[in-house]
Protein backbone atom coordinates (compact mmCIF):
# COMPACT_ATOMS: atom_id res chain seq x y z
CA MET A 1 -14.37 -15.95 5.87
CA SER A 2 -12.89 -13.84 2.94
CA ASN A 3 -15.11 -11.92 0.85
CA PRO A 4 -15.52 -13.50 -2.59
CA GLY A 5 -16.06 -10.36 -4.29
CA LYS A 6 -18.56 -9.93 -6.77
CA ARG A 7 -19.30 -11.77 -10.01
CA THR A 8 -18.59 -10.06 -13.00
CA LEU A 9 -19.08 -10.50 -16.83
CA VAL A 10 -16.90 -8.69 -19.32
CA THR A 11 -18.09 -8.27 -22.83
CA GLY A 12 -15.11 -7.70 -25.18
CA GLY A 13 -12.66 -8.91 -22.20
CA ALA A 14 -10.40 -10.27 -24.63
CA GLY A 15 -9.91 -6.42 -26.28
CA PHE A 16 -7.31 -4.11 -25.79
CA ILE A 17 -9.31 -1.94 -22.96
CA GLY A 18 -11.45 -5.19 -21.72
CA ARG A 19 -8.14 -6.93 -20.87
CA TRP A 20 -7.16 -4.23 -18.49
CA VAL A 21 -10.69 -4.47 -16.86
CA VAL A 22 -10.20 -7.74 -16.50
CA ALA A 23 -6.73 -7.56 -14.84
CA GLU A 24 -8.32 -4.63 -12.63
CA LEU A 25 -11.40 -6.66 -11.37
CA LEU A 26 -9.02 -10.06 -10.51
CA ALA A 27 -6.36 -7.19 -8.22
CA ARG A 28 -9.63 -6.34 -6.52
CA GLY A 29 -10.66 -9.52 -5.69
CA HIS A 30 -13.67 -10.12 -7.99
CA ARG A 31 -14.55 -13.34 -10.09
CA VAL A 32 -14.43 -12.69 -13.45
CA ARG A 33 -15.80 -14.03 -16.69
CA VAL A 34 -14.93 -13.25 -20.11
CA PHE A 35 -17.12 -13.14 -23.07
CA ASP A 36 -15.69 -11.89 -26.58
CA ASP A 37 -16.11 -13.23 -30.38
CA CYS A 38 -12.47 -12.61 -30.93
CA SER A 39 -13.16 -10.65 -33.67
CA GLY A 40 -10.97 -7.59 -32.67
CA GLY A 41 -9.54 -9.28 -29.04
CA THR A 42 -7.63 -12.54 -28.72
CA PRO A 43 -7.39 -15.11 -26.43
CA ALA A 44 -3.97 -14.34 -26.20
CA ASN A 45 -4.69 -10.99 -24.28
CA ILE A 46 -5.96 -13.06 -21.09
CA GLU A 47 -3.57 -15.78 -21.24
CA GLU A 48 -1.82 -15.03 -18.64
CA PHE A 49 -5.12 -15.38 -16.35
CA LYS A 50 -5.60 -18.84 -16.49
CA GLY A 51 -5.01 -20.43 -13.67
CA HIS A 52 -6.05 -17.42 -11.64
CA PRO A 53 -8.58 -18.61 -8.72
CA ARG A 54 -11.05 -15.67 -9.56
CA PHE A 55 -10.79 -16.37 -13.51
CA GLU A 56 -13.71 -18.13 -14.64
CA GLY A 57 -12.71 -18.18 -18.25
CA LEU A 58 -13.31 -17.38 -21.80
CA ILE A 59 -16.55 -18.16 -23.81
CA VAL A 60 -16.19 -17.71 -26.99
CA GLY A 61 -19.48 -16.08 -28.24
CA ASP A 62 -21.54 -13.68 -30.17
CA VAL A 63 -23.55 -10.74 -28.15
CA ARG A 64 -26.05 -10.75 -31.28
CA HIS A 65 -26.99 -13.88 -30.52
CA ARG A 66 -29.78 -13.62 -27.76
CA ALA A 67 -29.22 -17.21 -26.32
CA GLU A 68 -26.04 -17.31 -25.92
CA VAL A 69 -25.73 -13.68 -23.61
CA GLU A 70 -29.16 -15.11 -21.53
CA ALA A 71 -26.61 -18.00 -20.77
CA LEU A 72 -24.41 -15.87 -19.58
CA PHE A 73 -26.58 -14.69 -16.70
CA SER A 74 -27.67 -17.95 -15.49
CA ASP A 75 -25.46 -18.34 -12.96
CA ASP A 76 -26.28 -14.66 -11.67
CA VAL A 77 -24.19 -11.77 -12.73
CA ASP A 78 -23.20 -8.65 -10.04
CA VAL A 79 -21.81 -6.68 -12.66
CA CYS A 80 -21.64 -6.89 -16.36
CA TYR A 81 -18.59 -4.64 -18.19
CA HIS A 82 -20.17 -4.07 -21.54
CA LEU A 83 -17.57 -3.65 -23.83
CA ALA A 84 -18.27 -5.55 -27.06
CA ALA A 85 -18.60 -3.50 -29.95
CA LYS A 86 -17.07 -3.22 -33.74
CA ILE A 87 -14.95 0.25 -33.18
CA ASN A 88 -13.20 0.91 -36.39
CA VAL A 89 -15.24 4.22 -37.80
CA GLN A 90 -13.82 3.46 -41.77
CA HIS A 91 -15.89 0.00 -41.41
CA SER A 92 -18.78 1.36 -39.95
CA ILE A 93 -18.78 3.68 -43.04
CA ASP A 94 -18.24 1.07 -45.46
CA GLN A 95 -20.43 -1.84 -43.75
CA PRO A 96 -23.01 0.08 -41.43
CA ARG A 97 -25.06 -2.77 -40.97
CA SER A 98 -22.75 -5.17 -39.10
CA VAL A 99 -21.78 -2.52 -36.79
CA VAL A 100 -25.89 -1.98 -35.97
CA ASP A 101 -26.05 -5.75 -35.41
CA ASN A 102 -23.25 -5.51 -33.25
CA ASP A 103 -23.53 -2.24 -31.21
CA ILE A 104 -27.13 -2.15 -30.88
CA LEU A 105 -28.91 -5.87 -31.05
CA GLY A 106 -26.16 -6.64 -29.09
CA THR A 107 -26.64 -4.19 -26.32
CA VAL A 108 -30.20 -5.02 -26.05
CA ASN A 109 -29.46 -8.46 -25.78
CA VAL A 110 -27.10 -7.68 -22.76
CA LEU A 111 -29.63 -5.13 -21.26
CA GLU A 112 -32.47 -8.03 -21.88
CA ALA A 113 -30.40 -10.78 -20.23
CA ALA A 114 -29.25 -8.73 -17.08
CA ARG A 115 -33.57 -7.35 -16.58
CA ARG A 116 -34.51 -10.85 -17.37
CA GLN A 117 -31.86 -12.61 -14.36
CA TYR A 118 -33.34 -10.16 -12.09
CA LEU A 119 -36.69 -11.20 -12.69
CA THR A 120 -35.68 -15.35 -12.63
CA ARG A 121 -33.76 -14.72 -9.88
CA ASN A 122 -36.70 -13.07 -7.43
CA GLY A 123 -39.87 -15.13 -9.25
CA VAL A 124 -41.17 -11.88 -10.39
CA ARG A 125 -43.26 -12.68 -13.91
CA LYS A 126 -44.15 -8.80 -14.58
CA THR A 127 -41.84 -7.42 -17.55
CA SER A 128 -42.09 -3.76 -16.59
CA GLY A 129 -41.91 -1.19 -13.95
CA ALA A 130 -38.97 -0.51 -11.83
CA LEU A 131 -36.91 -3.41 -10.57
CA LYS A 132 -34.97 -3.56 -6.91
CA THR A 133 -31.55 -2.53 -6.60
CA SER A 134 -30.72 -6.37 -6.44
CA ALA A 135 -30.52 -6.43 -10.61
CA PRO A 136 -27.57 -6.91 -12.22
CA LYS A 137 -25.70 -3.63 -12.94
CA VAL A 138 -24.66 -2.86 -16.43
CA VAL A 139 -22.08 -0.47 -17.21
CA PHE A 140 -21.98 0.96 -21.08
CA VAL A 141 -18.62 1.83 -22.61
CA SER A 142 -18.93 4.22 -25.01
CA THR A 143 -16.74 6.74 -26.83
CA CYS A 144 -15.65 10.56 -26.81
CA MET A 145 -16.60 10.07 -30.35
CA VAL A 146 -19.92 10.95 -29.96
CA TYR A 147 -19.29 14.74 -29.17
CA THR A 148 -18.87 17.80 -31.25
CA PRO A 149 -15.60 19.77 -31.22
CA SER A 150 -15.13 22.22 -28.40
CA HIS A 151 -12.50 25.17 -28.05
CA SER A 152 -13.53 25.55 -24.54
CA PRO A 153 -9.95 25.79 -22.74
CA ASP A 154 -12.19 23.57 -19.86
CA GLY A 155 -12.64 20.68 -22.49
CA ILE A 156 -15.71 19.00 -23.01
CA ASP A 157 -18.10 18.09 -20.03
CA GLU A 158 -20.57 15.45 -20.00
CA GLU A 159 -23.47 18.29 -21.24
CA HIS A 160 -21.72 19.03 -24.43
CA PRO A 161 -23.54 18.67 -27.43
CA VAL A 162 -23.26 15.16 -29.33
CA ARG A 163 -23.42 14.18 -33.11
CA ALA A 164 -23.18 11.41 -34.99
CA LEU A 165 -20.46 11.92 -37.64
CA SER A 166 -20.33 7.97 -38.30
CA PRO A 167 -22.65 4.70 -37.94
CA TYR A 168 -20.11 3.76 -35.38
CA ALA A 169 -21.19 6.74 -33.22
CA ALA A 170 -24.41 6.84 -33.90
CA CYS A 171 -24.61 2.98 -32.78
CA LYS A 172 -22.95 4.07 -29.50
CA LEU A 173 -25.48 6.61 -28.71
CA ALA A 174 -27.91 4.19 -29.47
CA GLY A 175 -26.69 2.04 -27.18
CA GLU A 176 -26.17 4.45 -24.24
CA HIS A 177 -29.74 5.74 -25.03
CA LEU A 178 -30.84 1.62 -24.83
CA ALA A 179 -28.99 1.56 -21.64
CA LEU A 180 -30.24 4.34 -20.05
CA SER A 181 -33.87 3.62 -21.05
CA TYR A 182 -33.74 0.24 -18.76
CA HIS A 183 -32.79 2.43 -15.75
CA HIS A 184 -35.55 4.93 -16.35
CA ALA A 185 -37.77 2.04 -17.46
CA HIS A 186 -37.11 -0.89 -15.00
CA GLY A 187 -34.75 0.44 -12.71
CA LEU A 188 -31.64 -1.45 -13.93
CA PRO A 189 -28.86 -0.33 -12.62
CA VAL A 190 -26.69 1.25 -15.63
CA THR A 191 -23.83 3.65 -16.39
CA VAL A 192 -22.69 5.34 -19.47
CA LEU A 193 -18.70 5.72 -19.55
CA ARG A 194 -17.34 8.12 -22.52
CA PRO A 195 -13.75 7.62 -21.88
CA PHE A 196 -11.48 9.73 -24.60
CA ASN A 197 -8.63 8.22 -26.69
CA THR A 198 -7.03 5.25 -24.81
CA PHE A 199 -3.64 3.23 -25.47
CA GLY A 200 -1.25 1.64 -23.50
CA PRO A 201 0.16 -1.85 -23.66
CA PHE A 202 -2.27 -4.50 -25.93
CA GLN A 203 -3.23 -2.38 -28.27
CA ARG A 204 -3.27 -3.63 -31.69
CA THR A 205 -0.66 -2.32 -33.23
CA ASP A 206 -1.62 -2.58 -37.15
CA ALA A 207 -4.35 -0.26 -38.80
CA GLU A 208 -7.13 -1.26 -36.42
CA GLY A 209 -5.37 0.28 -33.40
CA GLY A 210 -5.12 3.39 -31.92
CA VAL A 211 -2.49 6.10 -33.55
CA VAL A 212 -0.11 5.90 -30.72
CA ALA A 213 0.21 2.17 -31.21
CA VAL A 214 0.64 2.48 -35.03
CA PHE A 215 3.31 5.54 -34.52
CA LEU A 216 4.71 3.42 -32.29
CA GLN A 217 5.15 0.28 -34.31
CA ARG A 218 6.37 2.07 -37.22
CA ALA A 219 8.65 3.79 -35.63
CA LEU A 220 10.35 0.47 -34.47
CA ASP A 221 10.02 -0.81 -37.90
CA GLY A 222 11.88 2.38 -39.40
CA ARG A 223 8.93 2.96 -41.54
CA PRO A 224 7.39 6.51 -42.22
CA PHE A 225 4.41 7.80 -40.45
CA GLU A 226 1.62 8.24 -41.86
CA ILE A 227 -0.71 11.07 -40.75
CA ARG A 228 -4.56 11.74 -41.98
CA GLY A 229 -5.42 14.85 -42.88
CA ASP A 230 -3.39 18.03 -42.06
CA GLY A 231 -2.31 16.55 -38.72
CA GLN A 232 -3.72 19.39 -36.52
CA GLN A 233 -6.77 17.54 -35.00
CA THR A 234 -5.91 16.74 -31.09
CA ARG A 235 -6.75 14.03 -28.97
CA ASP A 236 -6.85 13.56 -24.89
CA LEU A 237 -4.89 10.58 -24.70
CA LEU A 238 -5.93 8.18 -21.95
CA TYR A 239 -3.59 5.71 -20.52
CA VAL A 240 -5.04 1.97 -20.41
CA LYS A 241 -4.60 1.18 -17.01
CA ASP A 242 -6.56 4.91 -15.73
CA CYS A 243 -8.96 3.74 -18.10
CA ALA A 244 -9.70 0.28 -16.68
CA ARG A 245 -9.54 1.46 -13.28
CA PHE A 246 -12.24 4.23 -13.97
CA VAL A 247 -14.65 1.68 -15.98
CA VAL A 248 -14.01 -0.54 -12.88
CA GLU A 249 -14.65 1.77 -10.18
CA ALA A 250 -18.09 2.93 -12.22
CA GLY A 251 -19.18 -0.30 -12.19
CA LEU A 252 -18.97 -0.61 -8.32
CA ASN A 253 -19.83 2.81 -7.12
CA PRO A 254 -24.00 3.33 -6.69
CA GLN A 255 -23.54 6.68 -6.66
CA ALA A 256 -22.87 6.18 -10.90
CA ASP A 257 -26.06 4.37 -11.43
CA GLY A 258 -28.19 6.28 -14.29
CA ILE A 259 -25.61 8.82 -15.67
CA ILE A 260 -23.11 9.74 -17.85
CA LEU A 261 -19.21 10.19 -16.85
CA ASN A 262 -16.22 11.07 -19.08
CA ALA A 263 -12.90 10.11 -18.61
CA GLY A 264 -9.86 11.64 -19.79
CA LEU A 265 -6.04 12.93 -19.29
CA GLY A 266 -7.62 16.41 -19.06
CA ARG A 267 -5.02 17.56 -21.93
CA ASP A 268 -5.03 17.39 -25.70
CA ILE A 269 -2.09 16.69 -28.43
CA SER A 270 -2.10 17.53 -31.89
CA ILE A 271 -1.39 14.47 -33.99
CA ASN A 272 1.34 16.00 -35.75
CA GLU A 273 2.86 16.69 -32.41
CA LEU A 274 2.35 13.37 -31.35
CA ALA A 275 4.11 11.93 -34.39
CA GLU A 276 7.21 14.41 -33.94
CA ARG A 277 7.26 13.08 -30.09
CA ILE A 278 7.39 9.55 -31.23
CA SER A 279 9.55 9.95 -34.03
CA ARG A 280 12.17 11.85 -32.88
CA GLY A 281 13.34 12.41 -36.32
CA ARG A 282 13.79 8.37 -36.45
CA CYS A 283 11.40 8.51 -39.35
CA GLY A 284 10.03 10.31 -42.08
CA ILE A 285 6.19 11.87 -41.47
CA ARG A 286 4.03 12.53 -44.49
CA HIS A 287 0.43 13.61 -44.53
CA VAL A 288 -2.22 11.35 -46.98
CA PRO A 289 -5.76 11.89 -47.48
CA HIS A 290 -7.93 11.16 -44.56
CA ASP A 291 -10.20 8.04 -44.86
CA HIS A 292 -13.74 9.43 -43.90
CA PRO A 293 -12.90 13.19 -43.00
CA GLN A 294 -16.56 13.38 -42.85
CA ALA A 295 -16.18 11.75 -39.25
CA GLU A 296 -13.38 13.19 -38.36
CA ILE A 297 -13.41 15.91 -34.82
CA ALA A 298 -11.22 18.75 -34.78
CA ARG A 299 -10.61 18.53 -31.08
CA LEU A 300 -11.26 16.56 -28.25
CA LEU A 301 -10.34 17.69 -24.94
CA CYS A 302 -11.57 15.94 -21.83
CA ASN A 303 -13.04 17.24 -18.74
CA ARG A 304 -13.24 14.70 -15.95
CA ALA A 305 -14.81 17.10 -13.31
CA LYS A 306 -17.63 14.72 -13.21
CA ALA A 307 -15.82 11.60 -12.80
CA ARG A 308 -13.96 13.23 -9.85
CA ARG A 309 -17.31 14.22 -7.53
CA VAL A 310 -19.01 11.02 -8.18
CA LEU A 311 -16.20 8.32 -7.99
CA GLY A 312 -12.78 10.22 -6.37
CA TRP A 313 -11.38 9.45 -9.95
CA GLU A 314 -7.98 10.92 -11.09
CA PRO A 315 -5.60 9.80 -13.58
CA ARG A 316 -2.50 8.66 -11.97
CA TYR A 317 -0.10 8.20 -15.02
CA ASP A 318 0.85 11.46 -16.81
CA PHE A 319 1.69 11.29 -20.66
CA ASP A 320 5.17 10.53 -21.00
CA GLU A 321 5.12 7.84 -18.04
CA ALA A 322 2.35 6.05 -20.18
CA LEU A 323 3.81 6.71 -23.14
CA ALA A 324 7.36 5.30 -22.34
CA GLU A 325 5.58 2.01 -20.51
CA THR A 326 4.03 1.56 -24.06
CA GLU A 327 6.78 2.19 -25.98
CA ALA A 328 8.71 -0.64 -24.06
CA TRP A 329 5.88 -3.24 -24.29
CA VAL A 330 6.17 -2.59 -28.29
CA ARG A 331 9.65 -2.82 -28.25
CA ALA A 332 9.71 -6.21 -26.23
CA GLY A 333 7.66 -7.25 -29.35
CA ARG A 334 4.42 -8.10 -27.71
CA ARG A 335 2.84 -7.68 -30.79
CA GLU A 336 -0.65 -9.68 -30.64
CA PRO A 337 -1.36 -12.85 -33.24
CA VAL A 338 -4.33 -13.26 -35.54
CA PRO A 339 -7.36 -13.88 -33.25
CA VAL A 340 -7.82 -17.43 -33.21
CA CYS A 341 -10.99 -18.82 -31.30
């Protein structure tokens, strides 16, 4: 009899990283259900999985709504990958309440639903105290944007100081602490992940997208590149396929329970250099005032030693290979439609 795999739930699974997490889970033989409000992602991102024998479909809903989230856990979830979040830094500065409601309240709803599933499954009446390992695991996907800059040649590890330079970063830190508190207070298996700047196919290429996707689309359209600030800030650019593999492995490995893990390429590049490499002289490059200079981090370079030690994870794609694949996807015209659910 074949192993049916774990039953997994991916909140934000119609989004950029979430879509690749779904693909990775299906490829490994697990059953997958997606929950997404389609405000950032789109059903088109997961259209190809329709008809897959282990894909249990997209449920359109909102993590802010407790009853909707609790219903997701009624069929027994083994692992929940929680990626549903408002990720636009400028939006968090301009409209912080919406980000707080989504990223903090939504995380509480997921954690509570996971805890209540365990209590219901086991006929336990108590509302506190340690749970057994049969409780559903929650993987909280945070961000490298919680870190302060570092000029160490070894990069930023998980013990590096954190600082919330935007409400977005503050909400991610709050979500991390909430997730870990459920691990310590209730024994809920939880892992917190801090992937560095992720790029690749299915990332939005408009102003809501990442810098690589935006630059590639501008090059394709023959439009000038706009660099916020002086362009000397650096980023560690992680390919989304490597990121998804990291996220999935963290959810399946009990050695990751109760800890924080970074993932990155281990190599940073300045925004100026990135623009030159993608433009290749085809487009003009101009510097414009930064929308949110107070939230900028001057240098981000990942130290992934802990992920290597705990998960055995290493990136498989170098930057040039990943950039070529992403450029081919953009050139193929796979632009995302306006989200409609």
